[in-house]
């Protein structure tokens, strides 16, 4: 059946059928849970906090934020649309083409289609030369495209989605088979961005924050960051288990195009309120999130928007703050300094003062004195960790000048927090 004739798609969480995504009219979407899911789990969180289980169908405005959030953005989305012969605005058509392997446990396929095995049997293993070619071809084939690769991941950055064995063998999952890792190469216009992210993640990890596991490598002369997907686990039998997750734009029903607070996107206080409602241990996760906000400020990341924070659902249905990801010092590039989420009403990092953090604490319903104490401790620790991670980078051979520039940003902002 031609894609244009398809009016419904099956939606699974791993191998559990949870509902259908419909195309009721041009450019419109609707979602409805299965009758069995609606009967067994009424009012519960299954797919998204923005789509609590009910029997009736969700409207276009209710449905679109979660499902749009599964797709890439910007030029990556445009290129995939051209490659697949689908209009870039056709969310339903794009999900029909590449939705078989999405973020979290979401699997979207044409009605009745058999799911790919959740193991490595559908992986095209790559030689070193083939891996280098796949990375070089990302501008033409985003996410490692080709019609037999049916996967999607949000964001604007070029990346290769792969399956990696514990002994380092890398391949491309085919036909919607699950992936385990993301390879992010350095790209033109963003000097040493892979090193930048590796360093910032390392500093955050050293400071005690939970982050995605990552490592630097060089592939055919290109610096790359390999990130282990925290929404996947690999069993001893090489079965890949999908864990559900959603970012805070999805959880709050915000479209990706409005991910920045100055465009109506999530604020720090909205995410704190959501964590209090969703998290199995809200006090711990609220504190961890506020430390993450401070960390992004300290390392100079002005792009820490609602899609760059997420919640992770465990196999028993419990919800926790997901590990941090996409931490990059944007201050070393020629991009806007305006912060994706404001701190005490301030958009510009240079305008942030102790009073800004006090106002943020009040907005979030936390004790300002305790927040400031934690921030000062973090400001002290972040300098120590930046020095330690820089030394590791030198010893391991991945130190680049960008690290020294990031340390300068950290020193400047840590000083402001400590005064």
Protein backbone atom coordinates (compact mmCIF):
# COMPACT_ATOMS: atom_id res chain seq x y z
CA UNK A 1 0.00 0.00 0.00
CA UNK A 2 1.44 3.43 -0.88
CA UNK A 3 2.31 5.55 2.14
CA UNK A 4 -0.19 8.21 1.09
CA UNK A 5 -3.02 5.68 1.43
CA UNK A 6 -2.16 4.65 5.00
CA UNK A 7 -4.56 6.14 7.54
CA UNK A 8 -3.46 4.38 10.73
CA UNK A 9 -0.24 3.17 12.34
CA UNK A 10 0.23 0.67 15.13
CA UNK A 11 1.92 2.10 18.23
CA UNK A 12 3.84 -0.23 20.53
CA UNK A 13 5.87 0.13 23.69
CA UNK A 14 8.53 -2.50 23.04
CA UNK A 15 6.33 -5.45 21.96
CA UNK A 16 3.16 -4.31 23.76
CA UNK A 17 0.54 -2.86 21.44
CA UNK A 18 -0.82 0.25 23.16
CA UNK A 19 -2.82 2.05 20.50
CA UNK A 20 -3.05 3.54 17.03
CA UNK A 21 -1.94 6.81 15.49
CA UNK A 22 -4.46 8.09 12.96
CA UNK A 23 -4.39 10.57 10.10
CA UNK A 24 -7.99 11.85 10.17
CA UNK A 25 -7.34 14.66 7.71
CA UNK A 26 -4.64 16.57 5.89
CA UNK A 27 -1.85 17.43 8.30
CA UNK A 28 -3.78 16.27 11.35
CA UNK A 29 -3.04 13.52 13.87
CA UNK A 30 -5.07 11.62 16.43
CA UNK A 31 -4.14 8.91 18.90
CA UNK A 32 -6.28 6.34 20.65
CA UNK A 33 -5.32 3.71 23.21
CA UNK A 34 -6.36 0.10 22.70
CA UNK A 35 -9.58 -0.84 24.47
CA UNK A 36 -7.66 -3.28 26.68
CA UNK A 37 -5.11 -0.64 27.68
CA UNK A 38 -7.88 1.89 28.37
CA UNK A 39 -9.71 -0.62 30.57
CA UNK A 40 -6.67 -1.83 32.50
CA UNK A 41 -4.74 1.43 32.92
CA UNK A 42 -7.29 4.27 32.95
CA UNK A 43 -5.68 7.48 34.18
CA UNK A 44 -2.21 5.94 34.32
CA UNK A 45 0.93 6.95 32.43
CA UNK A 46 1.72 4.52 29.63
CA UNK A 47 2.94 6.45 26.60
CA UNK A 48 3.30 10.01 27.88
CA UNK A 49 2.47 12.22 30.82
CA UNK A 50 0.70 14.44 28.27
CA UNK A 51 -1.44 11.50 27.08
CA UNK A 52 -2.84 9.87 30.25
CA UNK A 53 -4.77 6.72 29.44
CA UNK A 54 -8.42 7.20 28.53
CA UNK A 55 -10.90 5.49 26.23
CA UNK A 56 -11.62 8.46 23.97
CA UNK A 57 -9.44 9.59 21.09
CA UNK A 58 -6.89 12.39 21.60
CA UNK A 59 -7.23 15.44 19.36
CA UNK A 60 -4.59 16.79 17.00
CA UNK A 61 -3.44 19.43 19.51
CA UNK A 62 -3.15 16.80 22.24
CA UNK A 63 -1.47 14.18 20.05
CA UNK A 64 1.02 16.19 18.05
CA UNK A 65 3.58 17.29 20.70
CA UNK A 66 4.50 13.77 21.77
CA UNK A 67 4.72 12.31 18.26
CA UNK A 68 6.46 15.35 16.73
CA UNK A 69 9.02 14.97 19.51
CA UNK A 70 10.00 11.54 18.18
CA UNK A 71 11.27 13.01 14.90
CA UNK A 72 14.48 14.90 14.09
CA UNK A 73 14.38 18.65 13.60
CA UNK A 74 15.77 21.20 11.17
CA UNK A 75 17.93 20.18 8.24
CA UNK A 76 18.11 16.56 9.45
CA UNK A 77 14.34 16.25 9.14
CA UNK A 78 14.38 18.01 5.77
CA UNK A 79 16.98 15.63 4.37
CA UNK A 80 15.17 12.53 5.63
CA UNK A 81 11.95 13.81 4.08
CA UNK A 82 13.67 14.28 0.72
CA UNK A 83 15.29 10.85 0.95
CA UNK A 84 11.94 9.18 1.68
CA UNK A 85 9.85 11.22 -0.73
CA UNK A 86 7.68 12.65 2.04
CA UNK A 87 6.73 16.26 2.71
CA UNK A 88 8.82 17.70 5.53
CA UNK A 89 5.59 18.77 7.30
CA UNK A 90 4.06 15.28 7.01
CA UNK A 91 4.64 13.96 10.51
CA UNK A 92 2.42 10.92 9.97
CA UNK A 93 4.20 10.01 6.73
CA UNK A 94 7.65 10.37 8.29
CA UNK A 95 6.69 8.18 11.25
CA UNK A 96 5.31 5.58 8.84
CA UNK A 97 8.71 5.54 7.15
CA UNK A 98 11.16 5.73 10.07
CA UNK A 99 9.14 5.27 13.28
CA UNK A 100 9.97 1.59 13.83
CA UNK A 101 12.85 2.53 16.18
CA UNK A 102 12.29 5.70 18.20
CA UNK A 103 13.40 7.23 21.47
CA UNK A 104 12.21 5.35 24.51
CA UNK A 105 10.29 2.13 23.94
CA UNK A 106 8.15 3.55 21.13
CA UNK A 107 7.75 1.48 17.97
CA UNK A 108 5.49 2.78 15.18
CA UNK A 109 4.73 0.63 12.13
CA UNK A 110 1.97 0.25 9.53
CA UNK A 111 -1.02 -1.66 10.89
CA UNK A 112 -0.38 -5.40 11.05
CA UNK A 113 3.34 -5.24 10.28
CA UNK A 114 5.49 -7.74 12.16
CA UNK A 115 8.03 -6.19 14.51
CA UNK A 116 11.76 -6.62 14.02
CA UNK A 117 13.48 -8.94 16.48
CA UNK A 118 14.88 -7.18 19.54
CA UNK A 119 18.35 -8.65 19.11
CA UNK A 120 21.35 -8.35 16.82
CA UNK A 121 20.01 -10.65 14.09
CA UNK A 122 18.90 -7.66 11.99
CA UNK A 123 22.13 -5.69 12.23
CA UNK A 124 24.33 -4.90 9.25
CA UNK A 125 27.80 -5.07 10.76
CA UNK A 126 30.24 -2.44 9.50
CA UNK A 127 33.93 -2.65 8.75
CA UNK A 128 36.09 0.31 9.79
CA UNK A 129 35.91 1.62 6.23
CA UNK A 130 32.12 1.22 6.06
CA UNK A 131 31.71 2.99 9.40
CA UNK A 132 33.86 5.89 8.17
CA UNK A 133 31.78 6.07 4.98
CA UNK A 134 28.52 6.09 6.96
CA UNK A 135 29.77 9.03 9.03
CA UNK A 136 31.01 10.88 5.94
CA UNK A 137 27.60 10.38 4.30
CA UNK A 138 25.56 11.76 7.20
CA UNK A 139 24.81 15.06 5.41
CA UNK A 140 23.09 13.09 2.64
CA UNK A 141 21.81 10.23 4.82
CA UNK A 142 21.05 11.56 8.32
CA UNK A 143 20.98 9.05 11.18
CA UNK A 144 22.68 6.58 8.82
CA UNK A 145 19.81 6.50 6.37
CA UNK A 146 18.87 4.22 3.55
CA UNK A 147 15.44 2.72 3.01
CA UNK A 148 16.29 -0.39 5.04
CA UNK A 149 17.18 1.75 8.08
CA UNK A 150 13.96 2.73 9.86
CA UNK A 151 14.90 4.72 12.92
CA UNK A 152 14.27 8.17 14.31
CA UNK A 153 15.75 10.32 17.04
CA UNK A 154 14.97 13.91 17.97
CA UNK A 155 17.38 16.81 17.75
CA UNK A 156 19.10 18.90 15.10
CA UNK A 157 22.62 17.46 15.19
CA UNK A 158 23.87 14.92 12.67
CA UNK A 159 24.42 11.56 14.33
CA UNK A 160 24.79 7.91 13.42
CA UNK A 161 22.50 5.51 15.28
CA UNK A 162 24.12 2.11 15.72
CA UNK A 163 24.15 -1.17 17.59
CA UNK A 164 27.36 -1.92 19.44
CA UNK A 165 28.36 -5.19 21.09
CA UNK A 166 30.18 -5.31 24.45
CA UNK A 167 33.39 -6.10 22.54
CA UNK A 168 33.08 -3.03 20.31
CA UNK A 169 31.62 -4.40 17.07
CA UNK A 170 29.44 -1.74 15.42
CA UNK A 171 26.60 -2.10 12.95
CA UNK A 172 23.43 -0.49 11.64
CA UNK A 173 20.11 -1.91 12.87
CA UNK A 174 17.79 -2.65 9.96
CA UNK A 175 14.03 -2.73 9.58
CA UNK A 176 13.31 -1.16 12.95
CA UNK A 177 15.61 -3.35 15.04
CA UNK A 178 16.68 -1.58 18.25
CA UNK A 179 19.93 0.36 18.51
CA UNK A 180 22.22 0.78 21.52
CA UNK A 181 24.56 3.71 20.82
CA UNK A 182 24.75 7.11 19.14
CA UNK A 183 27.89 8.31 17.33
CA UNK A 184 28.23 12.09 17.14
CA UNK A 185 31.00 13.36 14.85
CA UNK A 186 32.51 16.82 14.95
CA UNK A 187 30.83 18.95 12.29
CA UNK A 188 31.70 21.97 10.20
CA UNK A 189 31.11 25.26 11.99
CA UNK A 190 31.22 23.64 15.43
CA UNK A 191 34.93 23.15 16.07
CA UNK A 192 35.66 20.08 18.21
CA UNK A 193 32.04 19.77 19.33
CA UNK A 194 32.55 16.06 20.08
CA UNK A 195 35.43 16.94 22.41
CA UNK A 196 33.36 19.77 23.87
CA UNK A 197 30.48 17.44 24.77
CA UNK A 198 32.80 14.72 26.06
CA UNK A 199 34.50 17.23 28.35
CA UNK A 200 31.26 18.78 29.64
CA UNK A 201 29.70 15.38 30.30
CA UNK A 202 32.88 14.30 32.07
CA UNK A 203 32.87 17.38 34.29
CA UNK A 204 29.19 16.88 35.17
CA UNK A 205 29.84 13.21 35.97
CA UNK A 206 32.85 14.12 38.13
CA UNK A 207 30.64 16.57 40.04
CA UNK A 208 28.28 13.74 40.96
CA UNK A 209 25.54 14.25 38.38
CA UNK A 210 24.16 11.23 36.54
CA UNK A 211 24.96 11.47 32.82
CA UNK A 212 24.78 9.31 29.74
CA UNK A 213 27.84 7.07 29.45
CA UNK A 214 30.14 8.29 26.70
CA UNK A 215 33.63 7.97 25.27
CA UNK A 216 35.68 9.80 22.68
CA UNK A 217 37.19 8.12 19.66
CA UNK A 218 38.62 9.01 16.27
CA UNK A 219 37.12 7.46 13.16
CA UNK A 220 39.02 8.01 9.93
CA UNK A 221 40.52 11.25 11.25
CA UNK A 222 37.23 12.62 12.62
CA UNK A 223 36.80 13.18 16.36
CA UNK A 224 33.62 11.47 17.52
CA UNK A 225 31.67 10.96 20.72
CA UNK A 226 30.07 7.56 21.24
CA UNK A 227 27.12 7.77 23.63
CA UNK A 228 25.48 4.73 25.17
CA UNK A 229 21.69 4.97 25.00
CA UNK A 230 20.28 5.02 28.53
CA UNK A 231 16.91 3.90 27.12
CA UNK A 232 18.40 0.56 26.04
CA UNK A 233 19.92 -2.36 27.93
CA UNK A 234 21.76 -5.29 26.41
CA UNK A 235 21.33 -8.71 28.01
CA UNK A 236 24.00 -11.41 28.16
CA UNK A 237 22.13 -13.15 25.33
CA UNK A 238 22.49 -9.97 23.20
CA UNK A 239 18.80 -9.17 23.42
CA UNK A 240 18.17 -5.44 23.42
CA UNK A 241 15.57 -4.22 25.91
CA UNK A 242 13.89 -0.89 25.22
CA UNK A 243 13.22 1.35 28.23
CA UNK A 244 10.62 4.05 27.83
CA UNK A 245 11.53 7.72 28.15
CA UNK A 246 10.22 11.08 27.07
CA UNK A 247 11.66 14.56 27.11
CA UNK A 248 9.97 17.37 28.99
CA UNK A 249 8.49 18.96 25.88
CA UNK A 250 6.69 15.68 25.25
CA UNK A 251 5.72 15.23 28.90
CA UNK A 252 4.32 18.77 29.09
CA UNK A 253 2.61 18.70 25.70
CA UNK A 254 4.90 21.30 24.10
CA UNK A 255 5.77 21.16 20.40
CA UNK A 256 9.51 20.91 19.56
CA UNK A 257 9.30 24.21 17.70
CA UNK A 258 8.46 25.88 21.04
CA UNK A 259 11.18 24.18 23.09
CA UNK A 260 12.78 27.43 24.31
CA UNK A 261 11.21 29.28 27.22
CA UNK A 262 11.25 32.58 25.31
CA UNK A 263 9.07 30.83 22.69
CA UNK A 264 6.63 29.50 25.27
CA UNK A 265 8.56 26.35 26.09
CA UNK A 266 9.19 24.70 29.45
CA UNK A 267 10.64 26.78 32.26
CA UNK A 268 12.67 25.49 35.19
CA UNK A 269 9.66 25.84 37.49
CA UNK A 270 7.35 23.92 35.11
CA UNK A 271 9.80 21.03 34.97
CA UNK A 272 10.15 21.07 38.76
CA UNK A 273 6.36 20.92 39.09
CA UNK A 274 6.25 18.02 36.60
CA UNK A 275 8.91 16.12 38.54
CA UNK A 276 6.93 16.56 41.75
CA UNK A 277 3.95 14.98 40.01
CA UNK A 278 5.76 12.24 38.09
CA UNK A 279 8.87 11.14 39.93
CA UNK A 280 8.94 8.13 42.24
CA UNK A 281 11.36 10.14 44.44
CA UNK A 282 10.47 13.78 43.72
CA UNK A 283 12.73 15.42 46.30
CA UNK A 284 15.80 13.65 44.91
CA UNK A 285 14.93 14.35 41.28
CA UNK A 286 14.01 18.00 41.85
CA UNK A 287 17.35 18.55 43.58
CA UNK A 288 19.16 16.69 40.80
CA UNK A 289 17.42 18.73 38.12
CA UNK A 290 18.26 22.05 39.78
CA UNK A 291 21.90 20.94 40.04
CA UNK A 292 21.74 20.11 36.31
CA UNK A 293 20.42 23.61 35.55
CA UNK A 294 23.32 25.05 37.54
CA UNK A 295 25.80 22.75 35.79
CA UNK A 296 24.60 23.86 32.36
CA UNK A 297 24.98 27.47 33.48
CA UNK A 298 28.49 26.84 34.82
CA UNK A 299 29.77 25.11 31.66
CA UNK A 300 28.24 27.78 29.42
CA UNK A 301 25.45 25.74 27.83
CA UNK A 302 22.73 28.15 26.71
CA UNK A 303 20.94 25.43 24.72
CA UNK A 304 19.64 23.40 27.69
CA UNK A 305 15.98 23.49 26.62
CA UNK A 306 13.01 21.27 27.41
CA UNK A 307 14.01 18.58 24.94
CA UNK A 308 17.42 18.22 26.58
CA UNK A 309 15.98 16.98 29.87
CA UNK A 310 13.94 13.80 30.13
CA UNK A 311 12.27 11.27 32.39
CA UNK A 312 12.93 7.54 32.22
CA UNK A 313 10.27 4.90 32.93
CA UNK A 314 11.53 1.70 34.52
CA UNK A 315 10.14 -1.71 33.59
CA UNK A 316 7.76 -1.57 36.57
CA UNK A 317 6.37 1.79 35.44
CA UNK A 318 8.22 3.99 37.93
CA UNK A 319 9.39 7.40 36.69
CA UNK A 320 12.78 8.99 37.43
CA UNK A 321 14.80 11.87 36.05
CA UNK A 322 16.81 10.53 33.12
CA UNK A 323 20.60 10.83 32.94
CA UNK A 324 21.84 14.13 31.53
CA UNK A 325 22.78 14.34 27.85
CA UNK A 326 23.63 16.93 25.19
CA UNK A 327 25.71 19.09 27.56
CA UNK A 328 27.79 21.38 25.34
CA UNK A 329 29.49 24.70 26.07
CA UNK A 330 27.78 26.92 23.50
CA UNK A 331 29.60 29.98 24.88
CA UNK A 332 32.71 29.10 22.84
CA UNK A 333 30.78 29.35 19.55
CA UNK A 334 29.32 32.29 17.67
CA UNK A 335 25.72 31.63 18.70
CA UNK A 336 23.21 33.44 20.88
CA UNK A 337 24.04 33.66 24.56
CA UNK A 338 20.34 33.83 25.48
CA UNK A 339 19.58 30.91 27.79
CA UNK A 340 17.01 28.32 26.73
CA UNK A 341 15.47 28.47 30.21
CA UNK A 342 15.63 31.61 32.34
CA UNK A 343 17.25 31.82 35.76
CA UNK A 344 15.13 33.97 38.05
CA UNK A 345 13.71 35.83 35.07
CA UNK A 346 17.10 36.51 33.48
CA UNK A 347 17.69 35.46 29.87
CA UNK A 348 21.36 36.41 29.62
CA UNK A 349 23.98 34.57 31.68
CA UNK A 350 25.87 37.83 32.29
CA UNK A 351 22.80 39.20 34.08
CA UNK A 352 22.51 36.27 36.51
CA UNK A 353 23.22 37.21 40.12
CA UNK A 354 22.71 35.65 43.53
CA UNK A 355 19.31 37.32 43.53
CA UNK A 356 18.42 35.53 40.30
CA UNK A 357 19.05 32.15 41.92
CA UNK A 358 17.03 33.20 44.97
CA UNK A 359 14.10 34.13 42.73
CA UNK A 360 14.44 30.82 40.89
CA UNK A 361 14.31 28.96 44.21
CA UNK A 362 11.13 30.82 45.16
CA UNK A 363 9.56 30.08 41.75
CA UNK A 364 10.33 26.38 42.28
CA UNK A 365 9.19 26.24 45.89
CA UNK A 366 12.59 25.32 47.32
CA UNK A 367 14.56 26.90 50.15
CA UNK A 368 16.69 29.73 48.65
CA UNK A 369 19.35 29.43 51.34
CA UNK A 370 19.81 25.70 50.74
CA UNK A 371 19.89 26.17 46.96
CA UNK A 372 22.57 28.86 47.21
CA UNK A 373 24.63 26.66 49.52
CA UNK A 374 24.45 23.79 47.03
CA UNK A 375 25.34 26.11 44.14
CA UNK A 376 28.43 27.44 45.90
CA UNK A 377 29.57 23.91 46.68
CA UNK A 378 29.02 22.97 43.03
CA UNK A 379 30.95 26.04 41.86
CA UNK A 380 33.93 24.93 43.94
CA UNK A 381 33.71 21.34 42.78
CA UNK A 382 33.27 22.17 39.08
CA UNK A 383 36.67 23.88 38.91
CA UNK A 384 38.37 20.87 40.48
CA UNK A 385 36.57 18.52 38.10
CA UNK A 386 37.38 20.63 35.04
CA UNK A 387 41.07 20.39 35.92
CA UNK A 388 40.82 16.64 36.52
CA UNK A 389 38.94 15.89 33.29
CA UNK A 390 41.34 18.10 31.30
CA UNK A 391 44.25 16.10 32.72
CA UNK A 392 42.52 12.87 31.72
CA UNK A 393 41.94 14.22 28.21
CA UNK A 394 45.64 15.02 27.91
CA UNK A 395 46.68 11.59 29.19
CA UNK A 396 44.25 9.81 26.84
CA UNK A 397 45.10 11.94 23.82
CA UNK A 398 41.83 13.77 23.21
CA UNK A 399 42.70 17.19 24.66
CA UNK A 400 41.91 20.03 22.23
CA UNK A 401 42.17 23.84 22.60
CA UNK A 402 38.39 24.03 23.06
CA UNK A 403 38.83 22.45 26.52
CA UNK A 404 40.95 25.39 27.68
CA UNK A 405 38.31 27.80 26.41
CA UNK A 406 35.57 25.93 28.27
CA UNK A 407 37.63 26.01 31.46
CA UNK A 408 37.81 29.79 31.07
CA UNK A 409 34.01 29.97 30.92
CA UNK A 410 33.73 27.70 33.97
CA UNK A 411 36.21 29.80 35.98
CA UNK A 412 34.37 33.01 35.18
CA UNK A 413 30.92 31.70 36.09
CA UNK A 414 32.08 29.78 39.16
CA UNK A 415 33.65 32.98 40.46
CA UNK A 416 30.33 34.81 40.06
CA UNK A 417 28.52 32.07 42.00
CA UNK A 418 31.07 32.12 44.81
CA UNK A 419 31.01 35.89 45.38
